[in-house]
Amino acid sequence: TFPGKHDGSPCERLAATIWHELLAGCQYLIDLHSGGVDYDFLPLTGFYGPAALENPSFAAAVAFGLLDLWQLPHTAGVLSYEAHAAGLAAIGSEYRG
């Protein structure tokens, strides 16, 4: 859905507002998830691009402090990917349930 559309569906309009209002001026995006009440995920942090400290996304994932790291797939419409594509150091995290 991201970066959304100001004249789109309600979901697209919400995504556009988040994209343009909340992310304006940000350098980092952390997309936090958990398994909720049904799942218990291995705590991990995802990053985009190469696994090298020169890569801001990887460096942010390392700094986040979880032991397990995951190279995230490039998936259009996903907030963290679109933020990465726009130049932010974006990571995603799964943490238990």
PDB file of N, CA and C in Angstrom:
ATOM      1  N   THR A   1       0.812  -1.191   0.000  1.00  0.00           N
ATOM      2  CA  THR A   1       0.000   0.000   0.000  1.00  0.00           C
ATOM      3  C   THR A   1       0.860   1.262   0.000  1.00  0.00           C
ATOM      4  N   PHE A   2       2.067   1.202   0.517  1.00  0.00           N
ATOM      5  CA  PHE A   2       2.928   2.386   0.608  1.00  0.00           C
ATOM      6  C   PHE A   2       3.607   2.671  -0.719  1.00  0.00           C
ATOM      7  N   PRO A   3       3.822   3.892  -1.070  1.00  0.00           N
ATOM      8  CA  PRO A   3       3.675   5.092  -0.259  1.00  0.00           C
ATOM      9  C   PRO A   3       2.257   5.664  -0.224  1.00  0.00           C
ATOM     10  N   GLY A   4       1.291   4.982  -0.774  1.00  0.00           N
ATOM     11  CA  GLY A   4      -0.100   5.421  -0.691  1.00  0.00           C
ATOM     12  C   GLY A   4      -0.475   6.422  -1.765  1.00  0.00           C
ATOM     13  N   LYS A   5      -1.752   6.843  -1.712  1.00  0.00           N
ATOM     14  CA  LYS A   5      -2.281   7.827  -2.668  1.00  0.00           C
ATOM     15  C   LYS A   5      -3.217   8.755  -1.911  1.00  0.00           C
ATOM     16  N   HIS A   6      -3.012  10.049  -2.055  1.00  0.00           N
ATOM     17  CA  HIS A   6      -3.870  11.026  -1.368  1.00  0.00           C
ATOM     18  C   HIS A   6      -5.312  10.976  -1.856  1.00  0.00           C
ATOM     19  N   ASP A   7      -5.536  10.515  -3.080  1.00  0.00           N
ATOM     20  CA  ASP A   7      -6.887  10.450  -3.625  1.00  0.00           C
ATOM     21  C   ASP A   7      -7.358   9.010  -3.816  1.00  0.00           C
ATOM     22  N   GLY A   8      -6.750   8.072  -3.102  1.00  0.00           N
ATOM     23  CA  GLY A   8      -7.074   6.658  -3.258  1.00  0.00           C
ATOM     24  C   GLY A   8      -8.112   6.172  -2.261  1.00  0.00           C
ATOM     25  N   SER A   9      -8.097   4.877  -2.042  1.00  0.00           N
ATOM     26  CA  SER A   9      -8.993   4.243  -1.079  1.00  0.00           C
ATOM     27  C   SER A   9      -8.655   4.734   0.331  1.00  0.00           C
ATOM     28  N   PRO A  10      -9.504   4.451   1.323  1.00  0.00           N
ATOM     29  CA  PRO A  10      -9.163   4.858   2.693  1.00  0.00           C
ATOM     30  C   PRO A  10      -7.794   4.324   3.142  1.00  0.00           C
ATOM     31  N   CYS A  11      -7.489   3.093   2.805  1.00  0.00           N
ATOM     32  CA  CYS A  11      -6.190   2.516   3.184  1.00  0.00           C
ATOM     33  C   CYS A  11      -5.046   3.244   2.486  1.00  0.00           C
ATOM     34  N   GLU A  12      -5.215   3.551   1.209  1.00  0.00           N
ATOM     35  CA  GLU A  12      -4.177   4.271   0.464  1.00  0.00           C
ATOM     36  C   GLU A  12      -3.997   5.692   0.982  1.00  0.00           C
ATOM     37  N   ARG A  13      -5.095   6.332   1.385  1.00  0.00           N
ATOM     38  CA  ARG A  13      -5.002   7.689   1.935  1.00  0.00           C
ATOM     39  C   ARG A  13      -4.282   7.675   3.284  1.00  0.00           C
ATOM     40  N   LEU A  14      -4.582   6.680   4.114  1.00  0.00           N
ATOM     41  CA  LEU A  14      -3.886   6.552   5.403  1.00  0.00           C
ATOM     42  C   LEU A  14      -2.393   6.316   5.164  1.00  0.00           C
ATOM     43  N   ALA A  15      -2.068   5.441   4.236  1.00  0.00           N
ATOM     44  CA  ALA A  15      -0.657   5.170   3.920  1.00  0.00           C
ATOM     45  C   ALA A  15       0.038   6.437   3.439  1.00  0.00           C
ATOM     46  N   ALA A  16      -0.622   7.226   2.595  1.00  0.00           N
ATOM     47  CA  ALA A  16      -0.030   8.472   2.102  1.00  0.00           C
ATOM     48  C   ALA A  16       0.204   9.458   3.240  1.00  0.00           C
ATOM     49  N   THR A  17      -0.730   9.532   4.174  1.00  0.00           N
ATOM     50  CA  THR A  17      -0.560  10.428   5.322  1.00  0.00           C
ATOM     51  C   THR A  17       0.618   9.987   6.179  1.00  0.00           C
ATOM     52  N   ILE A  18       0.690   8.699   6.468  1.00  0.00           N
ATOM     53  CA  ILE A  18       1.829   8.183   7.239  1.00  0.00           C
ATOM     54  C   ILE A  18       3.125   8.482   6.494  1.00  0.00           C
ATOM     55  N   TRP A  19       3.137   8.206   5.206  1.00  0.00           N
ATOM     56  CA  TRP A  19       4.341   8.379   4.392  1.00  0.00           C
ATOM     57  C   TRP A  19       4.806   9.835   4.371  1.00  0.00           C
ATOM     58  N   HIS A  20       3.882  10.749   4.119  1.00  0.00           N
ATOM     59  CA  HIS A  20       4.263  12.152   3.934  1.00  0.00           C
ATOM     60  C   HIS A  20       4.351  12.944   5.237  1.00  0.00           C
ATOM     61  N   GLU A  21       3.583  12.580   6.239  1.00  0.00           N
ATOM     62  CA  GLU A  21       3.567  13.340   7.491  1.00  0.00           C
ATOM     63  C   GLU A  21       4.509  12.763   8.544  1.00  0.00           C
ATOM     64  N   LEU A  22       4.486  11.456   8.739  1.00  0.00           N
ATOM     65  CA  LEU A  22       5.286  10.855   9.813  1.00  0.00           C
ATOM     66  C   LEU A  22       6.720  10.565   9.403  1.00  0.00           C
ATOM     67  N   LEU A  23       6.941  10.260   8.137  1.00  0.00           N
ATOM     68  CA  LEU A  23       8.297   9.917   7.712  1.00  0.00           C
ATOM     69  C   LEU A  23       9.101  11.130   7.249  1.00  0.00           C
ATOM     70  N   ALA A  24       8.447  12.271   7.095  1.00  0.00           N
ATOM     71  CA  ALA A  24       9.154  13.470   6.648  1.00  0.00           C
ATOM     72  C   ALA A  24      10.276  13.804   7.630  1.00  0.00           C
ATOM     73  N   GLY A  25      11.477  13.895   7.137  1.00  0.00           N
ATOM     74  CA  GLY A  25      12.613  14.254   7.974  1.00  0.00           C
ATOM     75  C   GLY A  25      13.255  13.099   8.721  1.00  0.00           C
ATOM     76  N   CYS A  26      12.705  11.893   8.597  1.00  0.00           N
ATOM     77  CA  CYS A  26      13.291  10.734   9.298  1.00  0.00           C
ATOM     78  C   CYS A  26      14.514  10.207   8.560  1.00  0.00           C
ATOM     79  N   GLN A  27      15.427   9.622   9.311  1.00  0.00           N
ATOM     80  CA  GLN A  27      16.583   8.952   8.727  1.00  0.00           C
ATOM     81  C   GLN A  27      16.482   7.436   8.872  1.00  0.00           C
ATOM     82  N   TYR A  28      15.691   6.978   9.851  1.00  0.00           N
ATOM     83  CA  TYR A  28      15.562   5.555  10.136  1.00  0.00           C
ATOM     84  C   TYR A  28      14.089   5.177  10.222  1.00  0.00           C
ATOM     85  N   LEU A  29      13.797   3.929   9.856  1.00  0.00           N
ATOM     86  CA  LEU A  29      12.469   3.369  10.059  1.00  0.00           C
ATOM     87  C   LEU A  29      12.646   1.994  10.680  1.00  0.00           C
ATOM     88  N   ILE A  30      11.967   1.753  11.783  1.00  0.00           N
ATOM     89  CA  ILE A  30      11.977   0.441  12.432  1.00  0.00           C
ATOM     90  C   ILE A  30      10.554  -0.081  12.401  1.00  0.00           C
ATOM     91  N   ASP A  31      10.340  -1.177  11.695  1.00  0.00           N
ATOM     92  CA  ASP A  31       9.029  -1.799  11.541  1.00  0.00           C
ATOM     93  C   ASP A  31       8.960  -2.972  12.520  1.00  0.00           C
ATOM     94  N   LEU A  32       8.214  -2.799  13.610  1.00  0.00           N
ATOM     95  CA  LEU A  32       8.167  -3.795  14.685  1.00  0.00           C
ATOM     96  C   LEU A  32       6.977  -4.718  14.532  1.00  0.00           C
ATOM     97  N   HIS A  33       7.223  -6.018  14.698  1.00  0.00           N
ATOM     98  CA  HIS A  33       6.169  -7.036  14.616  1.00  0.00           C
ATOM     99  C   HIS A  33       6.338  -8.046  15.732  1.00  0.00           C
ATOM    100  N   SER A  34       5.250  -8.762  16.030  1.00  0.00           N
ATOM    101  CA  SER A  34       5.312  -9.910  16.929  1.00  0.00           C
ATOM    102  C   SER A  34       4.315 -10.941  16.421  1.00  0.00           C
ATOM    103  N   GLY A  35       4.387 -12.124  16.966  1.00  0.00           N
ATOM    104  CA  GLY A  35       3.490 -13.190  16.541  1.00  0.00           C
ATOM    105  C   GLY A  35       2.094 -13.073  17.111  1.00  0.00           C
ATOM    106  N   GLY A  36       1.859 -12.075  17.939  1.00  0.00           N
ATOM    107  CA  GLY A  36       0.537 -11.937  18.553  1.00  0.00           C
ATOM    108  C   GLY A  36       0.277 -13.065  19.538  1.00  0.00           C
ATOM    109  N   VAL A  37      -0.956 -13.484  19.641  1.00  0.00           N
ATOM    110  CA  VAL A  37      -1.300 -14.541  20.600  1.00  0.00           C
ATOM    111  C   VAL A  37      -1.186 -15.927  19.979  1.00  0.00           C
ATOM    112  N   ASP A  38      -1.053 -16.009  18.651  1.00  0.00           N
ATOM    113  CA  ASP A  38      -1.054 -17.315  17.980  1.00  0.00           C
ATOM    114  C   ASP A  38       0.319 -17.874  17.675  1.00  0.00           C
ATOM    115  N   TYR A  39       1.334 -17.032  17.580  1.00  0.00           N
ATOM    116  CA  TYR A  39       2.655 -17.491  17.146  1.00  0.00           C
ATOM    117  C   TYR A  39       3.740 -17.018  18.101  1.00  0.00           C
ATOM    118  N   ASP A  40       4.861 -17.726  18.088  1.00  0.00           N
ATOM    119  CA  ASP A  40       6.026 -17.361  18.875  1.00  0.00           C
ATOM    120  C   ASP A  40       7.226 -17.346  17.932  1.00  0.00           C
ATOM    121  N   PHE A  41       7.574 -16.161  17.420  1.00  0.00           N
ATOM    122  CA  PHE A  41       8.642 -16.026  16.446  1.00  0.00           C
ATOM    123  C   PHE A  41      10.008 -15.962  17.103  1.00  0.00           C
ATOM    124  N   LEU A  42      11.006 -16.457  16.385  1.00  0.00           N
ATOM    125  CA  LEU A  42      12.396 -16.270  16.769  1.00  0.00           C
ATOM    126  C   LEU A  42      12.692 -14.772  16.712  1.00  0.00           C
ATOM    127  N   PRO A  43      13.228 -14.196  17.760  1.00  0.00           N
ATOM    128  CA  PRO A  43      13.573 -12.768  17.709  1.00  0.00           C
ATOM    129  C   PRO A  43      14.644 -12.526  16.638  1.00  0.00           C
ATOM    130  N   LEU A  44      14.316 -11.679  15.680  1.00  0.00           N
ATOM    131  CA  LEU A  44      15.271 -11.384  14.614  1.00  0.00           C
ATOM    132  C   LEU A  44      15.039  -9.987  14.069  1.00  0.00           C
ATOM    133  N   THR A  45      16.050  -9.482  13.389  1.00  0.00           N
ATOM    134  CA  THR A  45      15.977  -8.183  12.750  1.00  0.00           C
ATOM    135  C   THR A  45      16.295  -8.351  11.273  1.00  0.00           C
ATOM    136  N   GLY A  46      15.433  -7.779  10.434  1.00  0.00           N
ATOM    137  CA  GLY A  46      15.637  -7.835   8.996  1.00  0.00           C
ATOM    138  C   GLY A  46      16.254  -6.546   8.489  1.00  0.00           C
ATOM    139  N   PHE A  47      17.019  -6.666   7.424  1.00  0.00           N
ATOM    140  CA  PHE A  47      17.677  -5.519   6.805  1.00  0.00           C
ATOM    141  C   PHE A  47      17.588  -5.648   5.294  1.00  0.00           C
ATOM    142  N   TYR A  48      17.823  -4.547   4.596  1.00  0.00           N
ATOM    143  CA  TYR A  48      17.829  -4.523   3.135  1.00  0.00           C
ATOM    144  C   TYR A  48      19.246  -4.300   2.629  1.00  0.00           C
ATOM    145  N   GLY A  49      19.551  -4.894   1.495  1.00  0.00           N
ATOM    146  CA  GLY A  49      20.858  -4.700   0.876  1.00  0.00           C
ATOM    147  C   GLY A  49      21.889  -5.670   1.413  1.00  0.00           C
ATOM    148  N   PRO A  50      23.154  -5.399   1.127  1.00  0.00           N
ATOM    149  CA  PRO A  50      24.220  -6.329   1.505  1.00  0.00           C
ATOM    150  C   PRO A  50      24.479  -6.354   3.013  1.00  0.00           C
ATOM    151  N   ALA A  51      24.973  -7.488   3.466  1.00  0.00           N
ATOM    152  CA  ALA A  51      25.338  -7.671   4.878  1.00  0.00           C
ATOM    153  C   ALA A  51      26.732  -7.085   5.102  1.00  0.00           C
ATOM    154  N   ALA A  52      26.807  -5.767   5.105  1.00  0.00           N
ATOM    155  CA  ALA A  52      28.071  -5.054   5.293  1.00  0.00           C
ATOM    156  C   ALA A  52      27.797  -3.830   6.146  1.00  0.00           C
ATOM    157  N   LEU A  53      28.691  -3.541   7.080  1.00  0.00           N
ATOM    158  CA  LEU A  53      28.477  -2.404   7.979  1.00  0.00           C
ATOM    159  C   LEU A  53      28.427  -1.067   7.251  1.00  0.00           C
ATOM    160  N   GLU A  54      28.923  -1.012   6.020  1.00  0.00           N
ATOM    161  CA  GLU A  54      28.824   0.214   5.223  1.00  0.00           C
ATOM    162  C   GLU A  54      27.381   0.446   4.757  1.00  0.00           C
ATOM    163  N   ASN A  55      26.552  -0.587   4.801  1.00  0.00           N
ATOM    164  CA  ASN A  55      25.150  -0.496   4.424  1.00  0.00           C
ATOM    165  C   ASN A  55      24.359   0.008   5.639  1.00  0.00           C
ATOM    166  N   PRO A  56      23.738   1.182   5.565  1.00  0.00           N
ATOM    167  CA  PRO A  56      23.026   1.732   6.727  1.00  0.00           C
ATOM    168  C   PRO A  56      21.922   0.823   7.272  1.00  0.00           C
ATOM    169  N   SER A  57      21.247   0.076   6.408  1.00  0.00           N
ATOM    170  CA  SER A  57      20.197  -0.823   6.879  1.00  0.00           C
ATOM    171  C   SER A  57      20.805  -1.963   7.699  1.00  0.00           C
ATOM    172  N   PHE A  58      21.877  -2.557   7.205  1.00  0.00           N
ATOM    173  CA  PHE A  58      22.549  -3.633   7.946  1.00  0.00           C
ATOM    174  C   PHE A  58      23.130  -3.106   9.257  1.00  0.00           C
ATOM    175  N   ALA A  59      23.773  -1.947   9.216  1.00  0.00           N
ATOM    176  CA  ALA A  59      24.350  -1.361  10.436  1.00  0.00           C
ATOM    177  C   ALA A  59      23.263  -1.102  11.477  1.00  0.00           C
ATOM    178  N   ALA A  60      22.096  -0.629  11.042  1.00  0.00           N
ATOM    179  CA  ALA A  60      20.982  -0.396  11.969  1.00  0.00           C
ATOM    180  C   ALA A  60      20.475  -1.719  12.544  1.00  0.00           C
ATOM    181  N   ALA A  61      20.434  -2.763  11.720  1.00  0.00           N
ATOM    182  CA  ALA A  61      19.987  -4.081  12.205  1.00  0.00           C
ATOM    183  C   ALA A  61      20.941  -4.622  13.261  1.00  0.00           C
ATOM    184  N   VAL A  62      22.230  -4.469  13.040  1.00  0.00           N
ATOM    185  CA  VAL A  62      23.231  -4.902  14.026  1.00  0.00           C
ATOM    186  C   VAL A  62      23.060  -4.106  15.318  1.00  0.00           C
ATOM    187  N   ALA A  63      22.886  -2.802  15.194  1.00  0.00           N
ATOM    188  CA  ALA A  63      22.747  -1.935  16.374  1.00  0.00           C
ATOM    189  C   ALA A  63      21.466  -2.231  17.144  1.00  0.00           C
ATOM    190  N   PHE A  64      20.457  -2.764  16.476  1.00  0.00           N
ATOM    191  CA  PHE A  64      19.199  -3.087  17.146  1.00  0.00           C
ATOM    192  C   PHE A  64      19.421  -4.132  18.241  1.00  0.00           C
ATOM    193  N   GLY A  65      20.417  -4.980  18.073  1.00  0.00           N
ATOM    194  CA  GLY A  65      20.870  -5.832  19.169  1.00  0.00           C
ATOM    195  C   GLY A  65      20.371  -7.263  19.216  1.00  0.00           C
ATOM    196  N   LEU A  66      19.558  -7.683  18.274  1.00  0.00           N
ATOM    197  CA  LEU A  66      19.135  -9.090  18.272  1.00  0.00           C
ATOM    198  C   LEU A  66      20.190  -9.923  17.549  1.00  0.00           C
ATOM    199  N   LEU A  67      20.355 -11.168  17.980  1.00  0.00           N
ATOM    200  CA  LEU A  67      21.428 -12.004  17.437  1.00  0.00           C
ATOM    201  C   LEU A  67      21.169 -12.466  16.006  1.00  0.00           C
ATOM    202  N   ASP A  68      19.920 -12.763  15.671  1.00  0.00           N
ATOM    203  CA  ASP A  68      19.613 -13.308  14.360  1.00  0.00           C
ATOM    204  C   ASP A  68      19.206 -12.198  13.399  1.00  0.00           C
ATOM    205  N   LEU A  69      19.862 -12.192  12.230  1.00  0.00           N
ATOM    206  CA  LEU A  69      19.600 -11.197  11.201  1.00  0.00           C
ATOM    207  C   LEU A  69      19.059 -11.884   9.950  1.00  0.00           C
ATOM    208  N   TRP A  70      18.236 -11.151   9.207  1.00  0.00           N
ATOM    209  CA  TRP A  70      17.574 -11.698   8.034  1.00  0.00           C
ATOM    210  C   TRP A  70      17.615 -10.664   6.918  1.00  0.00           C
ATOM    211  N   GLN A  71      18.125 -11.047   5.755  1.00  0.00           N
ATOM    212  CA  GLN A  71      18.117 -10.146   4.608  1.00  0.00           C
ATOM    213  C   GLN A  71      16.709 -10.154   4.019  1.00  0.00           C
ATOM    214  N   LEU A  72      16.032  -9.021   4.132  1.00  0.00           N
ATOM    215  CA  LEU A  72      14.630  -8.918   3.726  1.00  0.00           C
ATOM    216  C   LEU A  72      14.486  -8.896   2.209  1.00  0.00           C
ATOM    217  N   PRO A  73      13.399  -9.482   1.705  1.00  0.00           N
ATOM    218  CA  PRO A  73      13.158  -9.408   0.260  1.00  0.00           C
ATOM    219  C   PRO A  73      12.648  -8.032  -0.135  1.00  0.00           C
ATOM    220  N   HIS A  74      12.921  -7.643  -1.344  1.00  0.00           N
ATOM    221  CA  HIS A  74      12.430  -6.369  -1.875  1.00  0.00           C
ATOM    222  C   HIS A  74      10.986  -6.587  -2.314  1.00  0.00           C
ATOM    223  N   THR A  75      10.050  -6.070  -1.522  1.00  0.00           N
ATOM    224  CA  THR A  75       8.630  -6.269  -1.777  1.00  0.00           C
ATOM    225  C   THR A  75       7.946  -4.917  -1.888  1.00  0.00           C
ATOM    226  N   ALA A  76       7.565  -4.554  -3.106  1.00  0.00           N
ATOM    227  CA  ALA A  76       6.917  -3.264  -3.348  1.00  0.00           C
ATOM    228  C   ALA A  76       5.662  -3.139  -2.492  1.00  0.00           C
ATOM    229  N   GLY A  77       5.443  -1.924  -1.968  1.00  0.00           N
ATOM    230  CA  GLY A  77       4.257  -1.640  -1.174  1.00  0.00           C
ATOM    231  C   GLY A  77       4.434  -1.839   0.318  1.00  0.00           C
ATOM    232  N   VAL A  78       5.476  -2.546   0.728  1.00  0.00           N
ATOM    233  CA  VAL A  78       5.752  -2.759   2.148  1.00  0.00           C
ATOM    234  C   VAL A  78       6.450  -1.515   2.696  1.00  0.00           C
ATOM    235  N   LEU A  79       5.983  -1.009   3.825  1.00  0.00           N
ATOM    236  CA  LEU A  79       6.503   0.236   4.382  1.00  0.00           C
ATOM    237  C   LEU A  79       8.024   0.235   4.494  1.00  0.00           C
ATOM    238  N   SER A  80       8.593  -0.803   5.108  1.00  0.00           N
ATOM    239  CA  SER A  80      10.044  -0.798   5.314  1.00  0.00           C
ATOM    240  C   SER A  80      10.797  -0.837   3.990  1.00  0.00           C
ATOM    241  N   TYR A  81      10.312  -1.596   3.010  1.00  0.00           N
ATOM    242  CA  TYR A  81      10.995  -1.631   1.716  1.00  0.00           C
ATOM    243  C   TYR A  81      10.907  -0.283   1.007  1.00  0.00           C
ATOM    244  N   GLU A  82       9.729   0.300   1.004  1.00  0.00           N
ATOM    245  CA  GLU A  82       9.564   1.588   0.325  1.00  0.00           C
ATOM    246  C   GLU A  82      10.410   2.667   1.006  1.00  0.00           C
ATOM    247  N   ALA A  83      10.528   2.607   2.333  1.00  0.00           N
ATOM    248  CA  ALA A  83      11.389   3.556   3.051  1.00  0.00           C
ATOM    249  C   ALA A  83      12.851   3.329   2.658  1.00  0.00           C
ATOM    250  N   HIS A  84      13.260   2.078   2.581  1.00  0.00           N
ATOM    251  CA  HIS A  84      14.625   1.754   2.138  1.00  0.00           C
ATOM    252  C   HIS A  84      14.860   2.286   0.728  1.00  0.00           C
ATOM    253  N   ALA A  85      13.909   2.045  -0.172  1.00  0.00           N
ATOM    254  CA  ALA A  85      14.043   2.496  -1.555  1.00  0.00           C
ATOM    255  C   ALA A  85      14.111   4.026  -1.649  1.00  0.00           C
ATOM    256  N   ALA A  86      13.516   4.706  -0.658  1.00  0.00           N
ATOM    257  CA  ALA A  86      13.544   6.175  -0.623  1.00  0.00           C
ATOM    258  C   ALA A  86      14.789   6.716   0.077  1.00  0.00           C
ATOM    259  N   GLY A  87      15.678   5.834   0.548  1.00  0.00           N
ATOM    260  CA  GLY A  87      16.940   6.282   1.126  1.00  0.00           C
ATOM    261  C   GLY A  87      17.030   6.251   2.636  1.00  0.00           C
ATOM    262  N   LEU A  88      15.992   5.772   3.318  1.00  0.00           N
ATOM    263  CA  LEU A  88      16.062   5.657   4.777  1.00  0.00           C
ATOM    264  C   LEU A  88      16.757   4.354   5.160  1.00  0.00           C
ATOM    265  N   ALA A  89      17.397   4.333   6.310  1.00  0.00           N
ATOM    266  CA  ALA A  89      17.940   3.098   6.866  1.00  0.00           C
ATOM    267  C   ALA A  89      16.766   2.373   7.512  1.00  0.00           C
ATOM    268  N   ALA A  90      16.216   1.402   6.804  1.00  0.00           N
ATOM    269  CA  ALA A  90      15.004   0.724   7.261  1.00  0.00           C
ATOM    270  C   ALA A  90      15.315  -0.703   7.696  1.00  0.00           C
ATOM    271  N   ILE A  91      14.715  -1.082   8.828  1.00  0.00           N
ATOM    272  CA  ILE A  91      14.833  -2.454   9.308  1.00  0.00           C
ATOM    273  C   ILE A  91      13.447  -2.921   9.749  1.00  0.00           C
ATOM    274  N   GLY A  92      13.315  -4.231   9.863  1.00  0.00           N
ATOM    275  CA  GLY A  92      12.087  -4.825  10.387  1.00  0.00           C
ATOM    276  C   GLY A  92      12.453  -5.814  11.461  1.00  0.00           C
ATOM    277  N   SER A  93      11.595  -5.972  12.442  1.00  0.00           N
ATOM    278  CA  SER A  93      11.902  -6.877  13.539  1.00  0.00           C
ATOM    279  C   SER A  93      10.696  -7.754  13.859  1.00  0.00           C
ATOM    280  N   GLU A  94      10.962  -9.028  14.095  1.00  0.00           N
ATOM    281  CA  GLU A  94       9.963  -9.965  14.630  1.00  0.00           C
ATOM    282  C   GLU A  94      10.440 -10.307  16.041  1.00  0.00           C
ATOM    283  N   TYR A  95       9.519 -10.234  16.988  1.00  0.00           N
ATOM    284  CA  TYR A  95       9.931 -10.535  18.356  1.00  0.00           C
ATOM    285  C   TYR A  95       8.853 -11.335  19.073  1.00  0.00           C
ATOM    286  N   ARG A  96       9.077 -12.603  19.123  1.00  0.00           N
ATOM    287  CA  ARG A  96       8.252 -13.532  19.891  1.00  0.00           C
ATOM    288  C   ARG A  96       6.764 -13.387  19.591  1.00  0.00           C
ATOM    289  N   GLY A  97       5.932 -13.395  20.623  1.00  0.00           N
ATOM    290  CA  GLY A  97       4.481 -13.348  20.427  1.00  0.00           C
ATOM    291  C   GLY A  97       3.842 -12.361  21.367  1.00  0.00           C
TER     292      GLY A  97
END
